[in-house]
């Protein structure tokens, strides 16, 4: 969502105090900053860590993992959220053996069943 500079200036002119200006600036700044737990590639630190582990499997090559969590997070134990699914995209996933190894590793790492994990072959780079 883009806020035009013209609309922002109109809002500032109509503001009765500097509090509104400060509030608007804080909101715009917050929208522009990336999430602290997200990288430039759009992966969380957890997904990056698991992707690095999965990429160490023989034949897997580059691996990208995306973890799905429930919308209304339920708490388990110390407040940790349990994932409800995962998608793995790997260079070597065209091989059935590699695909099965990635699936088994994701089950162990994430505590998911085989039905909750999907593994796909990564598109070849041009």
N, C-alpha and C. Protein backbone atom coordinates (compact mmCIF):
# COMPACT_ATOMS: atom_id res chain seq x y z
N UNK A 1 0.84 -1.16 0.00
CA UNK A 1 0.00 0.00 0.00
C UNK A 1 0.89 1.23 0.00
N UNK A 2 0.75 2.08 -1.02
CA UNK A 2 1.56 3.29 -1.14
C UNK A 2 0.77 4.50 -0.66
N UNK A 3 1.40 5.32 0.11
CA UNK A 3 0.81 6.57 0.56
C UNK A 3 1.51 7.66 -0.24
N UNK A 4 0.71 8.45 -0.96
CA UNK A 4 1.33 9.50 -1.77
C UNK A 4 1.84 10.62 -0.88
N UNK A 5 2.86 11.28 -1.35
CA UNK A 5 3.46 12.38 -0.59
C UNK A 5 2.46 13.52 -0.45
N UNK A 6 1.67 13.74 -1.48
CA UNK A 6 0.68 14.81 -1.45
C UNK A 6 -0.33 14.57 -0.32
N UNK A 7 -0.83 13.34 -0.19
CA UNK A 7 -1.79 13.02 0.87
C UNK A 7 -1.14 13.15 2.24
N UNK A 8 0.12 12.74 2.34
CA UNK A 8 0.83 12.85 3.60
C UNK A 8 1.00 14.30 4.01
N UNK A 9 1.35 15.17 3.04
CA UNK A 9 1.50 16.59 3.35
C UNK A 9 0.17 17.21 3.75
N UNK A 10 -0.92 16.81 3.10
CA UNK A 10 -2.24 17.31 3.48
C UNK A 10 -2.59 16.91 4.90
N UNK A 11 -2.25 15.69 5.27
CA UNK A 11 -2.51 15.21 6.63
C UNK A 11 -1.69 15.98 7.65
N UNK A 12 -0.45 16.30 7.30
CA UNK A 12 0.42 17.04 8.21
C UNK A 12 -0.10 18.46 8.39
N UNK A 13 -0.57 19.10 7.29
CA UNK A 13 -1.09 20.46 7.40
C UNK A 13 -2.31 20.52 8.31
N UNK A 14 -3.14 19.47 8.24
CA UNK A 14 -4.35 19.44 9.06
C UNK A 14 -4.11 18.98 10.48
N UNK A 15 -2.93 18.52 10.79
CA UNK A 15 -2.64 18.01 12.13
C UNK A 15 -2.59 19.15 13.13
N UNK A 16 -3.20 18.94 14.28
CA UNK A 16 -3.24 19.99 15.30
C UNK A 16 -2.03 19.96 16.21
N UNK A 17 -1.33 18.82 16.22
CA UNK A 17 -0.16 18.76 17.09
C UNK A 17 0.90 17.87 16.45
N UNK A 18 2.09 17.95 17.00
CA UNK A 18 3.21 17.15 16.49
C UNK A 18 3.05 15.66 16.78
N UNK A 19 2.13 15.31 17.68
CA UNK A 19 1.91 13.91 18.02
C UNK A 19 1.43 13.15 16.80
N UNK A 20 0.50 13.74 16.05
CA UNK A 20 -0.02 13.09 14.85
C UNK A 20 1.08 12.90 13.82
N UNK A 21 1.90 13.90 13.65
CA UNK A 21 3.00 13.81 12.71
C UNK A 21 3.96 12.70 13.11
N UNK A 22 4.26 12.63 14.38
CA UNK A 22 5.14 11.58 14.89
C UNK A 22 4.52 10.20 14.69
N UNK A 23 3.23 10.09 14.94
CA UNK A 23 2.53 8.82 14.77
C UNK A 23 2.53 8.37 13.31
N UNK A 24 2.28 9.29 12.40
CA UNK A 24 2.29 8.98 10.96
C UNK A 24 3.68 8.55 10.52
N UNK A 25 4.70 9.28 10.96
CA UNK A 25 6.08 8.94 10.58
C UNK A 25 6.46 7.56 11.12
N UNK A 26 6.05 7.25 12.34
CA UNK A 26 6.36 5.94 12.92
C UNK A 26 5.67 4.82 12.15
N UNK A 27 4.42 5.02 11.76
CA UNK A 27 3.69 4.00 11.00
C UNK A 27 4.32 3.77 9.63
N UNK A 28 4.66 4.85 8.94
CA UNK A 28 5.28 4.72 7.62
C UNK A 28 6.64 4.03 7.76
N UNK A 29 7.41 4.39 8.76
CA UNK A 29 8.71 3.76 8.98
C UNK A 29 8.58 2.28 9.28
N UNK A 30 7.59 1.93 10.09
CA UNK A 30 7.39 0.52 10.43
C UNK A 30 7.00 -0.30 9.21
N UNK A 31 6.21 0.28 8.33
CA UNK A 31 5.81 -0.43 7.11
C UNK A 31 6.97 -0.64 6.15
N UNK A 32 7.92 0.25 6.18
CA UNK A 32 9.04 0.18 5.25
C UNK A 32 10.15 -0.75 5.71
N UNK A 33 10.23 -1.03 7.01
CA UNK A 33 11.28 -1.89 7.55
C UNK A 33 10.91 -3.35 7.35
N UNK A 34 11.87 -4.18 6.93
CA UNK A 34 11.58 -5.62 6.84
C UNK A 34 11.47 -6.20 8.23
N UNK A 35 10.76 -7.29 8.34
CA UNK A 35 10.62 -7.98 9.61
C UNK A 35 12.00 -8.41 10.10
N UNK A 36 12.24 -8.31 11.39
CA UNK A 36 13.54 -8.68 11.94
C UNK A 36 13.85 -10.15 11.74
N UNK A 37 12.79 -10.99 11.66
CA UNK A 37 13.03 -12.42 11.52
C UNK A 37 13.01 -12.87 10.06
N UNK A 38 12.90 -11.95 9.13
CA UNK A 38 12.86 -12.30 7.72
C UNK A 38 14.11 -11.78 7.02
N UNK A 39 14.61 -12.58 6.10
CA UNK A 39 15.77 -12.18 5.32
C UNK A 39 15.31 -11.55 4.02
N UNK A 40 16.26 -11.13 3.21
CA UNK A 40 15.93 -10.56 1.91
C UNK A 40 15.26 -11.58 1.01
N UNK A 41 15.56 -12.86 1.20
CA UNK A 41 14.97 -13.92 0.39
C UNK A 41 13.56 -14.26 0.85
N UNK A 42 13.08 -13.63 1.92
CA UNK A 42 11.74 -13.89 2.40
C UNK A 42 11.64 -15.11 3.31
N UNK A 43 12.76 -15.63 3.73
CA UNK A 43 12.77 -16.79 4.62
C UNK A 43 13.08 -16.34 6.04
N UNK A 44 12.43 -16.98 6.99
CA UNK A 44 12.74 -16.67 8.39
C UNK A 44 14.09 -17.29 8.74
N UNK A 45 14.64 -16.88 9.88
CA UNK A 45 15.91 -17.44 10.33
C UNK A 45 15.77 -18.95 10.54
N UNK A 46 14.64 -19.38 11.06
CA UNK A 46 14.39 -20.80 11.28
C UNK A 46 14.39 -21.55 9.94
N UNK A 47 13.70 -21.01 8.95
CA UNK A 47 13.66 -21.65 7.64
C UNK A 47 15.04 -21.69 6.99
N UNK A 48 15.82 -20.64 7.17
CA UNK A 48 17.19 -20.62 6.64
C UNK A 48 18.05 -21.69 7.30
N UNK A 49 17.91 -21.83 8.61
CA UNK A 49 18.70 -22.82 9.35
C UNK A 49 18.33 -24.23 8.91
N UNK A 50 17.05 -24.53 8.82
CA UNK A 50 16.60 -25.85 8.38
C UNK A 50 16.97 -26.10 6.92
N UNK A 51 16.88 -25.07 6.08
CA UNK A 51 17.26 -25.23 4.67
C UNK A 51 18.73 -25.59 4.54
N UNK A 52 19.57 -24.96 5.36
CA UNK A 52 21.00 -25.28 5.34
C UNK A 52 21.24 -26.72 5.76
N UNK A 53 20.50 -27.17 6.77
CA UNK A 53 20.65 -28.56 7.21
C UNK A 53 20.21 -29.52 6.12
N UNK A 54 19.06 -29.26 5.51
CA UNK A 54 18.54 -30.13 4.46
C UNK A 54 19.45 -30.16 3.23
N UNK A 55 20.10 -29.03 2.94
CA UNK A 55 20.98 -28.97 1.77
C UNK A 55 22.22 -29.85 1.93
N UNK A 56 22.51 -30.25 3.17
CA UNK A 56 23.66 -31.12 3.43
C UNK A 56 23.37 -32.59 3.09
N UNK A 57 22.12 -32.91 2.81
CA UNK A 57 21.77 -34.29 2.42
C UNK A 57 22.37 -34.56 1.05
N UNK A 58 22.98 -35.72 0.90
CA UNK A 58 23.66 -36.09 -0.35
C UNK A 58 22.69 -35.98 -1.54
N UNK A 59 23.10 -35.18 -2.53
CA UNK A 59 22.32 -35.04 -3.75
C UNK A 59 21.24 -33.98 -3.70
N UNK A 60 21.01 -33.37 -2.54
CA UNK A 60 19.93 -32.40 -2.40
C UNK A 60 20.23 -31.09 -3.12
N UNK A 61 21.48 -30.65 -3.10
CA UNK A 61 21.83 -29.37 -3.70
C UNK A 61 21.22 -28.22 -2.92
N UNK A 62 20.88 -27.14 -3.62
CA UNK A 62 20.25 -25.98 -2.97
C UNK A 62 18.86 -26.36 -2.50
N UNK A 63 18.50 -25.95 -1.29
CA UNK A 63 17.20 -26.29 -0.71
C UNK A 63 16.55 -25.03 -0.16
N UNK A 64 15.26 -24.91 -0.40
CA UNK A 64 14.44 -23.84 0.19
C UNK A 64 13.30 -24.50 0.95
N UNK A 65 13.11 -24.11 2.19
CA UNK A 65 12.06 -24.65 3.03
C UNK A 65 11.11 -23.54 3.43
N UNK A 66 9.83 -23.80 3.33
CA UNK A 66 8.81 -22.87 3.79
C UNK A 66 7.94 -23.60 4.80
N UNK A 67 7.80 -23.03 5.99
CA UNK A 67 7.04 -23.65 7.07
C UNK A 67 5.73 -22.91 7.25
N UNK A 68 4.63 -23.67 7.33
CA UNK A 68 3.30 -23.08 7.55
C UNK A 68 2.89 -23.27 9.01
N UNK A 69 2.38 -22.20 9.59
CA UNK A 69 1.88 -22.23 10.95
C UNK A 69 0.40 -21.90 10.93
N UNK A 70 -0.36 -22.35 11.94
CA UNK A 70 -1.79 -22.03 11.97
C UNK A 70 -2.00 -20.54 12.14
N UNK A 71 -3.10 -20.03 11.58
CA UNK A 71 -3.40 -18.60 11.69
C UNK A 71 -3.59 -18.18 13.14
N UNK A 72 -4.45 -18.90 13.86
CA UNK A 72 -4.64 -18.64 15.28
C UNK A 72 -3.66 -19.53 16.01
N UNK A 73 -2.52 -18.96 16.38
CA UNK A 73 -1.46 -19.78 16.96
C UNK A 73 -1.90 -20.36 18.29
N UNK A 74 -1.70 -21.64 18.41
CA UNK A 74 -1.97 -22.31 19.68
C UNK A 74 -0.64 -22.54 20.38
N UNK A 75 -0.64 -22.47 21.67
CA UNK A 75 0.61 -22.60 22.43
C UNK A 75 0.84 -24.02 22.87
N UNK A 76 2.07 -24.43 22.80
CA UNK A 76 2.50 -25.74 23.28
C UNK A 76 3.65 -25.51 24.23
N UNK A 77 3.53 -26.00 25.43
CA UNK A 77 4.64 -25.92 26.38
C UNK A 77 5.07 -24.50 26.66
N UNK A 78 6.25 -24.13 26.17
CA UNK A 78 6.85 -22.82 26.48
C UNK A 78 6.41 -21.74 25.51
N UNK A 79 5.26 -21.90 24.89
CA UNK A 79 4.77 -20.87 23.99
C UNK A 79 5.20 -21.06 22.55
N UNK A 80 5.87 -22.16 22.25
CA UNK A 80 6.31 -22.43 20.88
C UNK A 80 5.10 -22.83 20.04
N UNK A 81 5.14 -22.45 18.77
CA UNK A 81 4.06 -22.83 17.85
C UNK A 81 4.47 -24.07 17.08
N UNK A 82 3.52 -24.98 16.90
CA UNK A 82 3.77 -26.20 16.15
C UNK A 82 3.40 -25.95 14.70
N UNK A 83 4.29 -26.27 13.76
CA UNK A 83 3.96 -26.08 12.34
C UNK A 83 2.86 -27.05 11.92
N UNK A 84 2.10 -26.64 10.91
CA UNK A 84 1.03 -27.50 10.38
C UNK A 84 1.39 -28.07 9.01
N UNK A 85 2.47 -27.58 8.42
CA UNK A 85 2.89 -28.08 7.12
C UNK A 85 4.19 -27.46 6.68
N UNK A 86 4.78 -28.07 5.64
CA UNK A 86 6.03 -27.54 5.11
C UNK A 86 6.14 -27.89 3.63
N UNK A 87 6.80 -27.01 2.90
CA UNK A 87 7.10 -27.24 1.48
C UNK A 87 8.60 -27.13 1.32
N UNK A 88 9.18 -28.13 0.66
CA UNK A 88 10.61 -28.14 0.38
C UNK A 88 10.80 -28.11 -1.12
N UNK A 89 11.64 -27.19 -1.58
CA UNK A 89 12.00 -27.12 -3.00
C UNK A 89 13.51 -27.31 -3.05
N UNK A 90 13.95 -28.35 -3.77
CA UNK A 90 15.38 -28.68 -3.79
C UNK A 90 15.84 -29.02 -5.20
N UNK A 91 17.09 -28.67 -5.49
CA UNK A 91 17.66 -28.97 -6.80
C UNK A 91 17.64 -30.47 -7.08
N UNK A 92 17.95 -31.28 -6.11
CA UNK A 92 18.07 -32.72 -6.33
C UNK A 92 16.79 -33.51 -6.11
N UNK A 93 15.66 -32.83 -5.90
CA UNK A 93 14.42 -33.52 -5.57
C UNK A 93 13.80 -34.27 -6.75
N UNK A 94 14.36 -34.15 -7.94
CA UNK A 94 13.87 -34.96 -9.06
C UNK A 94 14.19 -36.42 -8.82
N UNK A 95 15.20 -36.69 -8.02
CA UNK A 95 15.57 -38.06 -7.64
C UNK A 95 14.64 -38.52 -6.52
N UNK A 96 14.01 -39.68 -6.72
CA UNK A 96 13.10 -40.22 -5.70
C UNK A 96 13.83 -40.47 -4.39
N UNK A 97 15.05 -40.96 -4.45
CA UNK A 97 15.81 -41.24 -3.24
C UNK A 97 16.08 -39.96 -2.45
N UNK A 98 16.47 -38.90 -3.14
CA UNK A 98 16.73 -37.61 -2.47
C UNK A 98 15.43 -37.06 -1.90
N UNK A 99 14.36 -37.17 -2.66
CA UNK A 99 13.06 -36.68 -2.21
C UNK A 99 12.66 -37.37 -0.90
N UNK A 100 12.84 -38.67 -0.83
CA UNK A 100 12.49 -39.42 0.38
C UNK A 100 13.37 -39.03 1.57
N UNK A 101 14.66 -38.81 1.32
CA UNK A 101 15.56 -38.39 2.39
C UNK A 101 15.17 -37.00 2.92
N UNK A 102 14.82 -36.10 2.02
CA UNK A 102 14.38 -34.76 2.43
C UNK A 102 13.09 -34.84 3.25
N UNK A 103 12.18 -35.68 2.81
CA UNK A 103 10.92 -35.87 3.52
C UNK A 103 11.16 -36.41 4.93
N UNK A 104 11.99 -37.43 5.05
CA UNK A 104 12.30 -38.02 6.36
C UNK A 104 12.97 -36.99 7.28
N UNK A 105 13.90 -36.22 6.73
CA UNK A 105 14.60 -35.21 7.55
C UNK A 105 13.63 -34.12 8.01
N UNK A 106 12.74 -33.68 7.13
CA UNK A 106 11.77 -32.64 7.52
C UNK A 106 10.82 -33.16 8.59
N UNK A 107 10.41 -34.41 8.48
CA UNK A 107 9.56 -35.00 9.51
C UNK A 107 10.27 -34.95 10.87
N UNK A 108 11.53 -35.32 10.89
CA UNK A 108 12.29 -35.34 12.14
C UNK A 108 12.53 -33.93 12.68
N UNK A 109 12.90 -33.00 11.81
CA UNK A 109 13.21 -31.64 12.25
C UNK A 109 11.98 -30.88 12.74
N UNK A 110 10.87 -31.06 12.05
CA UNK A 110 9.68 -30.25 12.31
C UNK A 110 8.60 -30.95 13.11
N UNK A 111 8.74 -32.26 13.29
CA UNK A 111 7.71 -33.01 14.01
C UNK A 111 6.43 -33.15 13.21
N UNK A 112 6.55 -33.18 11.90
CA UNK A 112 5.39 -33.31 11.02
C UNK A 112 5.28 -34.73 10.48
N UNK A 113 4.09 -35.10 10.04
CA UNK A 113 3.91 -36.39 9.38
C UNK A 113 4.22 -36.23 7.89
N UNK A 114 4.39 -37.34 7.21
CA UNK A 114 4.69 -37.31 5.77
C UNK A 114 3.59 -36.61 4.98
N UNK A 115 2.35 -36.69 5.45
CA UNK A 115 1.23 -36.05 4.76
C UNK A 115 1.26 -34.53 4.90
N UNK A 116 2.04 -34.02 5.83
CA UNK A 116 2.10 -32.58 6.08
C UNK A 116 3.31 -31.91 5.40
N UNK A 117 4.10 -32.71 4.67
CA UNK A 117 5.30 -32.19 4.01
C UNK A 117 5.22 -32.50 2.52
N UNK A 118 5.49 -31.52 1.68
CA UNK A 118 5.55 -31.70 0.24
C UNK A 118 6.96 -31.37 -0.24
N UNK A 119 7.50 -32.17 -1.15
CA UNK A 119 8.85 -31.95 -1.68
C UNK A 119 8.75 -31.83 -3.19
N UNK A 120 9.37 -30.77 -3.72
CA UNK A 120 9.34 -30.50 -5.16
C UNK A 120 10.74 -30.26 -5.69
N UNK A 121 10.92 -30.55 -6.97
CA UNK A 121 12.20 -30.28 -7.64
C UNK A 121 12.28 -28.80 -7.97
N UNK A 122 13.45 -28.22 -7.74
CA UNK A 122 13.69 -26.80 -8.03
C UNK A 122 13.86 -26.60 -9.52
N UNK A 123 13.34 -25.49 -10.01
CA UNK A 123 13.49 -25.13 -11.41
C UNK A 123 14.97 -24.89 -11.71
N UNK A 124 15.41 -25.39 -12.84
CA UNK A 124 16.82 -25.21 -13.23
C UNK A 124 17.11 -23.75 -13.51
N UNK A 125 18.26 -23.26 -13.05
CA UNK A 125 18.66 -21.87 -13.29
C UNK A 125 19.08 -21.72 -14.75
N UNK A 126 18.70 -20.59 -15.38
CA UNK A 126 19.07 -20.38 -16.79
C UNK A 126 20.54 -20.12 -16.98
